[in-house]
Amino acid sequence: MNVLIDTNIALDVLLKREPYFSNSQLVLLSAERKYIKGFVSASAITDIFYITNKIVKNNTTTRNILKKHLLGTVYIATVDEETVLKALDAEWEDFEDCLQYFIGDSINADYIVTRNPKDFVNEDIVVVTPEELLDIIAPEQEGV
């Protein structure tokens, strides 16, 4: 199952943001353990780096955090011209979420996991919270 992991989920884990850390960490662990095929968009990596570095205040440490706790766990979904044009043509209120949606579409995502599902227009990809995704994949993890 392909799952696009939204920026806020990755940041919850990297910055240990409470009260969201535990469930977001379980999502990334699910990707690490191959219960899901987790993706983060290439466009989100710049935001994740910027926000993490704002807190950490050290480029080397931030790079190491991303390499150790994110990039070894998820795949990077590319962003190409066609995807950007689709997002621009869709005219959603929030362009970033729209772009994430079309990136999810390009990787045939079964789910987009985010803490803000209401920000996504109801389209063909199911948008879920970390808790909802964990409930969906729980049967796959039984006995492991």
C-alpha atoms as a PDB file:
ATOM      1  CA  MET A   1       0.000   0.000   0.000  1.00  0.00           C
ATOM      2  CA  ASN A   2       1.431   3.371  -1.070  1.00  0.00           C
ATOM      3  CA  VAL A   3       1.065   6.166   1.476  1.00  0.00           C
ATOM      4  CA  LEU A   4       2.059   9.793   0.979  1.00  0.00           C
ATOM      5  CA  ILE A   5       3.174  11.162   4.336  1.00  0.00           C
ATOM      6  CA  ASP A   6       2.385  14.847   4.753  1.00  0.00           C
ATOM      7  CA  THR A   7       4.967  17.340   5.991  1.00  0.00           C
ATOM      8  CA  ASN A   8       3.357  17.728   9.417  1.00  0.00           C
ATOM      9  CA  ILE A   9       3.695  14.007  10.178  1.00  0.00           C
ATOM     10  CA  ALA A  10       7.418  14.002   9.401  1.00  0.00           C
ATOM     11  CA  LEU A  11       7.942  17.151  11.475  1.00  0.00           C
ATOM     12  CA  ASP A  12       6.028  15.660  14.416  1.00  0.00           C
ATOM     13  CA  VAL A  13       8.572  12.850  14.511  1.00  0.00           C
ATOM     14  CA  LEU A  14      11.756  14.777  13.755  1.00  0.00           C
ATOM     15  CA  LEU A  15      10.947  17.495  16.288  1.00  0.00           C
ATOM     16  CA  LYS A  16       9.168  15.183  18.765  1.00  0.00           C
ATOM     17  CA  ARG A  17       6.134  17.457  18.761  1.00  0.00           C
ATOM     18  CA  GLU A  18       3.578  16.499  21.370  1.00  0.00           C
ATOM     19  CA  PRO A  19       0.839  15.377  21.523  1.00  0.00           C
ATOM     20  CA  TYR A  20       1.342  14.130  17.948  1.00  0.00           C
ATOM     21  CA  PHE A  21       4.707  12.395  18.226  1.00  0.00           C
ATOM     22  CA  SER A  22       3.613   8.854  19.161  1.00  0.00           C
ATOM     23  CA  ASN A  23       1.123   8.205  16.365  1.00  0.00           C
ATOM     24  CA  SER A  24       3.241   9.976  13.763  1.00  0.00           C
ATOM     25  CA  GLN A  25       6.235   7.902  14.829  1.00  0.00           C
ATOM     26  CA  LEU A  26       4.164   4.729  14.422  1.00  0.00           C
ATOM     27  CA  VAL A  27       3.360   5.797  10.849  1.00  0.00           C
ATOM     28  CA  LEU A  28       7.062   6.182  10.051  1.00  0.00           C
ATOM     29  CA  LEU A  29       7.853   2.899  11.813  1.00  0.00           C
ATOM     30  CA  SER A  30       5.217   1.251   9.635  1.00  0.00           C
ATOM     31  CA  ALA A  31       7.109   2.518   6.603  1.00  0.00           C
ATOM     32  CA  GLU A  32      10.460   1.450   8.016  1.00  0.00           C
ATOM     33  CA  ARG A  33       9.119  -2.054   8.716  1.00  0.00           C
ATOM     34  CA  LYS A  34       7.554  -2.197   5.220  1.00  0.00           C
ATOM     35  CA  TYR A  35       3.934  -2.502   6.406  1.00  0.00           C
ATOM     36  CA  ILE A  36       3.361   0.435   4.075  1.00  0.00           C
ATOM     37  CA  LYS A  37       5.400   1.961   1.291  1.00  0.00           C
ATOM     38  CA  GLY A  38       5.805   5.463   2.684  1.00  0.00           C
ATOM     39  CA  PHE A  39       6.608   8.458   0.539  1.00  0.00           C
ATOM     40  CA  VAL A  40       7.452  12.075   1.301  1.00  0.00           C
ATOM     41  CA  SER A  41       7.326  14.511  -1.582  1.00  0.00           C
ATOM     42  CA  ALA A  42      10.551  16.082  -2.768  1.00  0.00           C
ATOM     43  CA  SER A  43       8.885  19.473  -2.406  1.00  0.00           C
ATOM     44  CA  ALA A  44       8.182  18.762   1.273  1.00  0.00           C
ATOM     45  CA  ILE A  45      11.827  17.962   2.028  1.00  0.00           C
ATOM     46  CA  THR A  46      12.804  21.619   1.670  1.00  0.00           C
ATOM     47  CA  ASP A  47      10.069  22.652   4.123  1.00  0.00           C
ATOM     48  CA  ILE A  48      11.002  19.869   6.523  1.00  0.00           C
ATOM     49  CA  PHE A  49      14.669  20.910   6.405  1.00  0.00           C
ATOM     50  CA  TYR A  50      13.840  24.606   6.860  1.00  0.00           C
ATOM     51  CA  ILE A  51      11.493  24.119   9.815  1.00  0.00           C
ATOM     52  CA  THR A  52      13.725  21.544  11.508  1.00  0.00           C
ATOM     53  CA  ASN A  53      16.778  23.760  11.094  1.00  0.00           C
ATOM     54  CA  LYS A  54      14.885  26.716  12.549  1.00  0.00           C
ATOM     55  CA  ILE A  55      14.554  24.717  15.771  1.00  0.00           C
ATOM     56  CA  VAL A  56      17.894  22.883  15.705  1.00  0.00           C
ATOM     57  CA  LYS A  57      19.870  25.892  14.436  1.00  0.00           C
ATOM     58  CA  ASN A  58      22.647  23.751  12.977  1.00  0.00           C
ATOM     59  CA  ASN A  59      22.743  22.724   9.299  1.00  0.00           C
ATOM     60  CA  THR A  60      24.921  19.652   9.890  1.00  0.00           C
ATOM     61  CA  THR A  61      22.709  18.378  12.701  1.00  0.00           C
ATOM     62  CA  THR A  62      19.589  18.996  10.618  1.00  0.00           C
ATOM     63  CA  ARG A  63      21.065  17.101   7.666  1.00  0.00           C
ATOM     64  CA  ASN A  64      21.944  14.194   9.940  1.00  0.00           C
ATOM     65  CA  ILE A  65      18.447  14.143  11.480  1.00  0.00           C
ATOM     66  CA  LEU A  66      16.829  13.974   8.044  1.00  0.00           C
ATOM     67  CA  LYS A  67      19.233  11.288   6.815  1.00  0.00           C
ATOM     68  CA  LYS A  68      18.926   9.131   9.920  1.00  0.00           C
ATOM     69  CA  HIS A  69      15.256   9.504  10.821  1.00  0.00           C
ATOM     70  CA  LEU A  70      13.511  10.152   7.534  1.00  0.00           C
ATOM     71  CA  LEU A  71      15.379   9.343   4.335  1.00  0.00           C
ATOM     72  CA  GLY A  72      16.276   5.829   5.413  1.00  0.00           C
ATOM     73  CA  THR A  73      12.610   5.181   6.146  1.00  0.00           C
ATOM     74  CA  VAL A  74      10.628   6.653   3.251  1.00  0.00           C
ATOM     75  CA  TYR A  75      10.877   6.983  -0.496  1.00  0.00           C
ATOM     76  CA  ILE A  76      11.024  10.400  -2.112  1.00  0.00           C
ATOM     77  CA  ALA A  77       8.160  11.181  -4.496  1.00  0.00           C
ATOM     78  CA  THR A  78       9.360  13.398  -7.308  1.00  0.00           C
ATOM     79  CA  VAL A  79       7.667  16.575  -8.422  1.00  0.00           C
ATOM     80  CA  ASP A  80       7.609  17.221 -12.134  1.00  0.00           C
ATOM     81  CA  GLU A  81       6.168  19.858 -14.427  1.00  0.00           C
ATOM     82  CA  GLU A  82       3.041  17.847 -15.209  1.00  0.00           C
ATOM     83  CA  THR A  83       2.231  17.446 -11.513  1.00  0.00           C
ATOM     84  CA  VAL A  84       2.721  21.147 -10.825  1.00  0.00           C
ATOM     85  CA  LEU A  85       0.524  22.100 -13.795  1.00  0.00           C
ATOM     86  CA  LYS A  86      -2.248  19.774 -12.617  1.00  0.00           C
ATOM     87  CA  ALA A  87      -2.124  21.405  -9.195  1.00  0.00           C
ATOM     88  CA  LEU A  88      -2.216  24.895 -10.672  1.00  0.00           C
ATOM     89  CA  ASP A  89      -5.167  23.991 -12.890  1.00  0.00           C
ATOM     90  CA  ALA A  90      -7.115  22.466  -9.997  1.00  0.00           C
ATOM     91  CA  GLU A  91      -7.394  25.878  -8.269  1.00  0.00           C
ATOM     92  CA  TRP A  92      -7.677  24.550  -4.705  1.00  0.00           C
ATOM     93  CA  GLU A  93      -7.668  27.121  -1.922  1.00  0.00           C
ATOM     94  CA  ASP A  94      -4.369  25.729  -0.554  1.00  0.00           C
ATOM     95  CA  PHE A  95      -1.821  25.165  -3.329  1.00  0.00           C
ATOM     96  CA  GLU A  96       0.605  23.189  -1.144  1.00  0.00           C
ATOM     97  CA  ASP A  97      -2.062  20.630  -0.209  1.00  0.00           C
ATOM     98  CA  CYS A  98      -3.208  20.499  -3.823  1.00  0.00           C
ATOM     99  CA  LEU A  99       0.330  19.777  -4.979  1.00  0.00           C
ATOM    100  CA  GLN A 100       0.653  17.084  -2.315  1.00  0.00           C
ATOM    101  CA  TYR A 101      -2.560  15.520  -3.599  1.00  0.00           C
ATOM    102  CA  PHE A 102      -1.303  15.377  -7.187  1.00  0.00           C
ATOM    103  CA  ILE A 103       2.057  14.026  -6.026  1.00  0.00           C
ATOM    104  CA  GLY A 104       0.076  11.307  -4.261  1.00  0.00           C
ATOM    105  CA  ASP A 105      -1.790  10.691  -7.494  1.00  0.00           C
ATOM    106  CA  SER A 106       1.494  10.360  -9.404  1.00  0.00           C
ATOM    107  CA  ILE A 107       2.702   7.586  -7.058  1.00  0.00           C
ATOM    108  CA  ASN A 108      -0.677   5.839  -7.042  1.00  0.00           C
ATOM    109  CA  ALA A 109      -1.086   6.546  -3.335  1.00  0.00           C
ATOM    110  CA  ASP A 110      -3.797   4.599  -1.590  1.00  0.00           C
ATOM    111  CA  TYR A 111      -3.740   7.122   1.263  1.00  0.00           C
ATOM    112  CA  ILE A 112      -2.422  10.522   2.205  1.00  0.00           C
ATOM    113  CA  VAL A 113      -1.735  10.688   5.919  1.00  0.00           C
ATOM    114  CA  THR A 114      -1.940  14.123   7.527  1.00  0.00           C
ATOM    115  CA  ARG A 115      -3.118  15.785  10.695  1.00  0.00           C
ATOM    116  CA  ASN A 116      -5.233  18.113   8.569  1.00  0.00           C
ATOM    117  CA  PRO A 117      -7.471  15.963   6.355  1.00  0.00           C
ATOM    118  CA  LYS A 118     -10.026  18.770   6.036  1.00  0.00           C
ATOM    119  CA  ASP A 119      -7.421  20.741   4.062  1.00  0.00           C
ATOM    120  CA  PHE A 120      -7.682  18.268   1.210  1.00  0.00           C
ATOM    121  CA  VAL A 121     -10.526  18.397  -1.271  1.00  0.00           C
ATOM    122  CA  ASN A 122     -12.278  15.040  -1.328  1.00  0.00           C
ATOM    123  CA  GLU A 123     -10.912  13.404  -4.458  1.00  0.00           C
ATOM    124  CA  ASP A 124      -9.823   9.882  -5.432  1.00  0.00           C
ATOM    125  CA  ILE A 125      -7.171   9.379  -2.749  1.00  0.00           C
ATOM    126  CA  VAL A 126      -8.369   8.641   0.768  1.00  0.00           C
ATOM    127  CA  VAL A 127      -7.006  11.212   3.211  1.00  0.00           C
ATOM    128  CA  VAL A 128      -6.575   9.977   6.781  1.00  0.00           C
ATOM    129  CA  THR A 129      -5.105  10.971  10.116  1.00  0.00           C
ATOM    130  CA  PRO A 130      -2.244   8.950  11.608  1.00  0.00           C
ATOM    131  CA  GLU A 131      -4.708   7.260  13.965  1.00  0.00           C
ATOM    132  CA  GLU A 132      -6.965   6.251  11.090  1.00  0.00           C
ATOM    133  CA  LEU A 133      -4.060   4.889   9.063  1.00  0.00           C
ATOM    134  CA  LEU A 134      -2.828   2.867  12.037  1.00  0.00           C
ATOM    135  CA  ASP A 135      -6.297   1.346  12.410  1.00  0.00           C
ATOM    136  CA  ILE A 136      -6.302   0.456   8.711  1.00  0.00           C
ATOM    137  CA  ILE A 137      -2.917  -1.258   8.773  1.00  0.00           C
ATOM    138  CA  ALA A 138      -3.249  -2.838  12.234  1.00  0.00           C
ATOM    139  CA  PRO A 139      -4.480  -6.204  10.870  1.00  0.00           C
ATOM    140  CA  GLU A 140      -1.372  -6.399   8.640  1.00  0.00           C
ATOM    141  CA  GLN A 141       0.875  -5.977  11.676  1.00  0.00           C
ATOM    142  CA  GLU A 142      -0.713  -8.696  13.811  1.00  0.00           C
ATOM    143  CA  GLY A 143       1.613 -11.537  14.673  1.00  0.00           C
ATOM    144  CA  VAL A 144       4.721  -9.565  13.794  1.00  0.00           C
END
